[in-house]
């Protein structure tokens, strides 16, 4: 699961209601299937944006791309430590944050954070899929579906139920920009296509819908493969 930071820190404050529901949902899923294992890759949310905006206000101009990325990476680590603390009794003891190291992880929950500039946690998620032979990513965001263009800018934007990687990449482009607002970032999308990984975009705080997905029932979301 790639968990968008906007779900954990929607506007500077921590969404404890979401975290409680996530905690209950994952533990319930594990109780149903003892062999299931969850990799949770945690985003930065508005914490990163607050630090970015503060830096810009102090220096009076745009920060470098690396500086913006590092602020986001450290925000993901802070959020990831919070999530690992919640699952500490069943989680791997280390947060995965160096993706050139492949650890043997057997615990039911494994928490991961950002790694290095130029890559989002979406990309880190795909690297984990490659390292641990995972074939499906649930991308939990603050939207129900991906759209053919930004619905905040275009009133005629249409929601997507299913789409190929080739068509999806034409929508999001090929370049990574820190703080980019895309259902799944361009660099991660390219890697996912190369590896043949399926990504399902879902609204992260709709746990009834998430339950339907896990039960193989009709759900609201976008499947990219």
Protein backbone atom coordinates (compact mmCIF):
# COMPACT_ATOMS: atom_id res chain seq x y z
CA UNK A 1 0.00 0.00 0.00
CA UNK A 2 1.25 3.44 -0.96
CA UNK A 3 -0.44 5.68 1.62
CA UNK A 4 -0.66 9.33 0.65
CA UNK A 5 0.63 11.71 3.28
CA UNK A 6 -2.49 13.85 2.80
CA UNK A 7 -4.48 11.07 4.50
CA UNK A 8 -2.23 11.11 7.57
CA UNK A 9 -1.56 14.86 7.73
CA UNK A 10 -4.35 16.50 5.70
CA UNK A 11 -3.72 20.10 6.77
CA UNK A 12 -0.86 20.26 9.24
CA UNK A 13 -2.69 18.26 11.91
CA UNK A 14 -2.48 14.49 12.24
CA UNK A 15 -5.63 12.61 11.23
CA UNK A 16 -5.89 10.21 14.16
CA UNK A 17 -9.33 9.06 13.03
CA UNK A 18 -7.83 7.75 9.77
CA UNK A 19 -4.95 6.09 11.61
CA UNK A 20 -7.35 4.35 14.02
CA UNK A 21 -9.37 2.98 11.11
CA UNK A 22 -6.23 1.93 9.23
CA UNK A 23 -4.99 0.15 12.34
CA UNK A 24 -8.28 -1.69 12.82
CA UNK A 25 -8.61 -2.56 9.12
CA UNK A 26 -5.13 -4.05 8.71
CA UNK A 27 -5.36 -6.05 11.93
CA UNK A 28 -8.75 -7.40 10.82
CA UNK A 29 -7.31 -8.42 7.45
CA UNK A 30 -4.40 -10.17 9.14
CA UNK A 31 -6.80 -12.02 11.44
CA UNK A 32 -8.66 -13.33 8.38
CA UNK A 33 -5.48 -14.39 6.58
CA UNK A 34 -2.46 -15.33 8.70
CA UNK A 35 -0.23 -15.54 5.60
CA UNK A 36 -0.95 -11.98 4.47
CA UNK A 37 1.78 -9.34 4.76
CA UNK A 38 1.33 -5.59 4.37
CA UNK A 39 4.02 -3.26 3.06
CA UNK A 40 2.99 0.30 3.98
CA UNK A 41 4.86 3.06 2.13
CA UNK A 42 4.11 6.39 3.79
CA UNK A 43 3.93 9.80 2.12
CA UNK A 44 4.80 13.22 3.52
CA UNK A 45 1.55 15.16 3.31
CA UNK A 46 1.21 18.82 4.19
CA UNK A 47 4.15 18.72 6.61
CA UNK A 48 6.49 18.76 3.61
CA UNK A 49 4.56 21.63 2.04
CA UNK A 50 4.68 23.68 5.23
CA UNK A 51 8.46 23.32 5.41
CA UNK A 52 8.80 24.07 1.70
CA UNK A 53 6.69 27.22 2.01
CA UNK A 54 8.59 28.33 5.14
CA UNK A 55 11.94 27.94 3.38
CA UNK A 56 10.71 29.90 0.39
CA UNK A 57 9.40 32.69 2.63
CA UNK A 58 12.73 33.02 4.45
CA UNK A 59 15.04 32.98 1.42
CA UNK A 60 12.65 34.89 -0.80
CA UNK A 61 12.82 32.55 -3.77
CA UNK A 62 12.19 28.99 -4.85
CA UNK A 63 14.27 26.34 -3.11
CA UNK A 64 16.37 23.93 -5.15
CA UNK A 65 14.74 20.73 -6.34
CA UNK A 66 17.01 18.67 -4.08
CA UNK A 67 16.12 20.80 -1.05
CA UNK A 68 12.41 20.37 -1.78
CA UNK A 69 12.85 16.63 -2.16
CA UNK A 70 14.81 16.27 1.07
CA UNK A 71 12.14 18.15 3.01
CA UNK A 72 9.56 15.76 1.59
CA UNK A 73 11.70 12.70 2.35
CA UNK A 74 12.19 13.65 5.99
CA UNK A 75 8.45 14.32 6.30
CA UNK A 76 7.77 10.78 5.06
CA UNK A 77 10.19 9.41 7.67
CA UNK A 78 8.40 11.24 10.48
CA UNK A 79 5.02 9.96 9.32
CA UNK A 80 6.42 6.45 8.82
CA UNK A 81 7.77 6.37 12.38
CA UNK A 82 4.30 7.26 13.64
CA UNK A 83 2.71 4.44 11.62
CA UNK A 84 5.35 1.92 12.71
CA UNK A 85 4.72 2.91 16.32
CA UNK A 86 1.03 2.13 15.89
CA UNK A 87 1.88 -1.34 14.56
CA UNK A 88 4.99 -1.89 16.67
CA UNK A 89 3.78 -5.21 18.12
CA UNK A 90 3.46 -6.76 14.64
CA UNK A 91 5.73 -4.55 12.51
CA UNK A 92 9.29 -5.02 11.28
CA UNK A 93 11.60 -3.20 13.71
CA UNK A 94 13.19 -1.00 11.03
CA UNK A 95 11.58 1.44 8.64
CA UNK A 96 12.68 0.61 5.11
CA UNK A 97 14.37 3.72 3.72
CA UNK A 98 17.48 2.51 1.86
CA UNK A 99 16.26 0.63 -1.16
CA UNK A 100 19.61 -0.77 -2.23
CA UNK A 101 19.43 -2.96 0.89
CA UNK A 102 17.06 -5.93 0.70
CA UNK A 103 16.19 -7.10 4.20
CA UNK A 104 14.61 -10.37 5.16
CA UNK A 105 11.24 -9.24 6.46
CA UNK A 106 8.78 -11.77 7.85
CA UNK A 107 6.62 -9.61 10.11
CA UNK A 108 2.97 -9.03 9.11
CA UNK A 109 3.52 -5.28 8.70
CA UNK A 110 6.51 -3.56 7.09
CA UNK A 111 6.65 0.26 7.04
CA UNK A 112 8.68 2.21 4.49
CA UNK A 113 9.53 5.88 3.88
CA UNK A 114 11.14 8.03 1.17
CA UNK A 115 14.71 7.47 0.02
CA UNK A 116 16.53 9.95 -2.20
CA UNK A 117 15.88 13.09 -4.29
CA UNK A 118 14.23 12.62 -7.65
CA UNK A 119 11.96 9.83 -6.48
CA UNK A 120 8.60 9.90 -4.77
CA UNK A 121 7.24 7.32 -2.36
CA UNK A 122 5.25 6.01 -5.34
CA UNK A 123 8.57 5.08 -6.96
CA UNK A 124 9.86 3.62 -3.70
CA UNK A 125 6.72 1.47 -3.61
CA UNK A 126 7.52 0.05 -7.03
CA UNK A 127 11.11 -0.67 -5.92
CA UNK A 128 9.71 -2.69 -3.01
CA UNK A 129 7.52 -4.60 -5.45
CA UNK A 130 10.61 -5.44 -7.48
CA UNK A 131 12.66 -6.48 -4.42
CA UNK A 132 9.95 -8.54 -2.70
CA UNK A 133 8.10 -9.84 -5.77
CA UNK A 134 4.85 -7.98 -5.12
CA UNK A 135 2.58 -7.65 -8.16
CA UNK A 136 -0.15 -5.25 -7.00
CA UNK A 137 -0.03 -1.82 -5.37
CA UNK A 138 -2.98 -0.19 -3.64
CA UNK A 139 -2.43 3.53 -3.97
CA UNK A 140 -4.47 5.11 -1.16
CA UNK A 141 -5.14 8.77 -1.92
CA UNK A 142 -7.65 11.53 -1.18
CA UNK A 143 -9.52 10.95 -4.47
CA UNK A 144 -11.90 8.14 -5.49
CA UNK A 145 -10.49 7.68 -9.00
CA UNK A 146 -7.90 9.00 -11.39
CA UNK A 147 -9.12 11.41 -14.09
CA UNK A 148 -8.13 11.99 -17.70
CA UNK A 149 -7.09 15.53 -16.66
CA UNK A 150 -6.97 17.62 -13.50
CA UNK A 151 -10.60 17.94 -12.27
CA UNK A 152 -9.65 21.02 -10.24
CA UNK A 153 -8.75 22.85 -13.46
CA UNK A 154 -11.08 21.25 -16.01
CA UNK A 155 -14.80 20.82 -15.45
CA UNK A 156 -15.02 18.27 -18.26
CA UNK A 157 -12.46 15.93 -16.62
CA UNK A 158 -13.68 12.33 -16.74
CA UNK A 159 -13.06 9.63 -14.10
CA UNK A 160 -11.26 6.47 -15.20
CA UNK A 161 -12.19 2.93 -14.16
CA UNK A 162 -9.47 1.03 -16.06
CA UNK A 163 -6.54 2.26 -18.14
CA UNK A 164 -3.32 0.92 -19.62
CA UNK A 165 0.06 2.20 -18.45
CA UNK A 166 0.71 3.54 -21.94
CA UNK A 167 -2.39 5.73 -21.88
CA UNK A 168 -1.96 6.71 -18.23
CA UNK A 169 1.61 7.88 -18.83
CA UNK A 170 0.39 10.16 -21.60
CA UNK A 171 -1.75 11.88 -18.97
CA UNK A 172 0.89 12.29 -16.21
CA UNK A 173 3.94 12.83 -18.45
CA UNK A 174 7.50 11.63 -17.88
CA UNK A 175 9.13 14.08 -15.46
CA UNK A 176 9.23 14.10 -11.66
CA UNK A 177 8.57 17.46 -10.01
CA UNK A 178 8.65 17.73 -6.17
CA UNK A 179 5.11 18.03 -4.84
CA UNK A 180 3.55 16.96 -8.15
CA UNK A 181 -0.20 16.41 -7.93
CA UNK A 182 -0.77 13.16 -9.82
CA UNK A 183 -2.58 9.92 -8.88
CA UNK A 184 0.70 8.06 -9.47
CA UNK A 185 3.90 9.86 -10.32
CA UNK A 186 5.48 9.72 -13.81
CA UNK A 187 8.78 8.04 -12.87
CA UNK A 188 6.99 5.41 -10.79
CA UNK A 189 4.52 4.84 -13.61
CA UNK A 190 7.33 4.14 -16.07
CA UNK A 191 8.94 1.63 -13.71
CA UNK A 192 5.62 -0.05 -12.95
CA UNK A 193 4.95 -0.48 -16.65
CA UNK A 194 8.40 -2.00 -17.17
CA UNK A 195 7.82 -4.51 -14.35
CA UNK A 196 4.22 -5.29 -15.25
CA UNK A 197 2.89 -4.18 -11.87
CA UNK A 198 -0.78 -3.35 -11.39
CA UNK A 199 -1.70 -0.20 -9.45
CA UNK A 200 -5.18 0.39 -8.05
CA UNK A 201 -6.03 3.97 -7.07
CA UNK A 202 -8.53 4.12 -4.19
CA UNK A 203 -9.83 6.70 -1.76
CA UNK A 204 -7.81 5.83 1.32
CA UNK A 205 -10.32 6.83 4.00
CA UNK A 206 -13.18 4.79 2.51
CA UNK A 207 -12.58 1.54 4.35
CA UNK A 208 -15.90 0.02 3.28
CA UNK A 209 -14.79 0.37 -0.33
CA UNK A 210 -11.36 -1.01 0.56
CA UNK A 211 -13.06 -3.99 2.19
CA UNK A 212 -14.99 -4.62 -1.02
CA UNK A 213 -11.75 -4.65 -2.98
CA UNK A 214 -10.16 -7.20 -0.64
CA UNK A 215 -13.28 -9.36 -0.85
CA UNK A 216 -13.17 -9.37 -4.66
CA UNK A 217 -16.37 -7.34 -4.94
CA UNK A 218 -17.16 -4.34 -7.12
CA UNK A 219 -15.33 -1.28 -5.84
CA UNK A 220 -14.84 2.39 -6.68
CA UNK A 221 -11.36 3.12 -7.99
CA UNK A 222 -9.02 3.13 -10.99
CA UNK A 223 -7.05 0.09 -12.11
CA UNK A 224 -3.85 0.78 -14.07
CA UNK A 225 -2.00 -2.11 -15.72
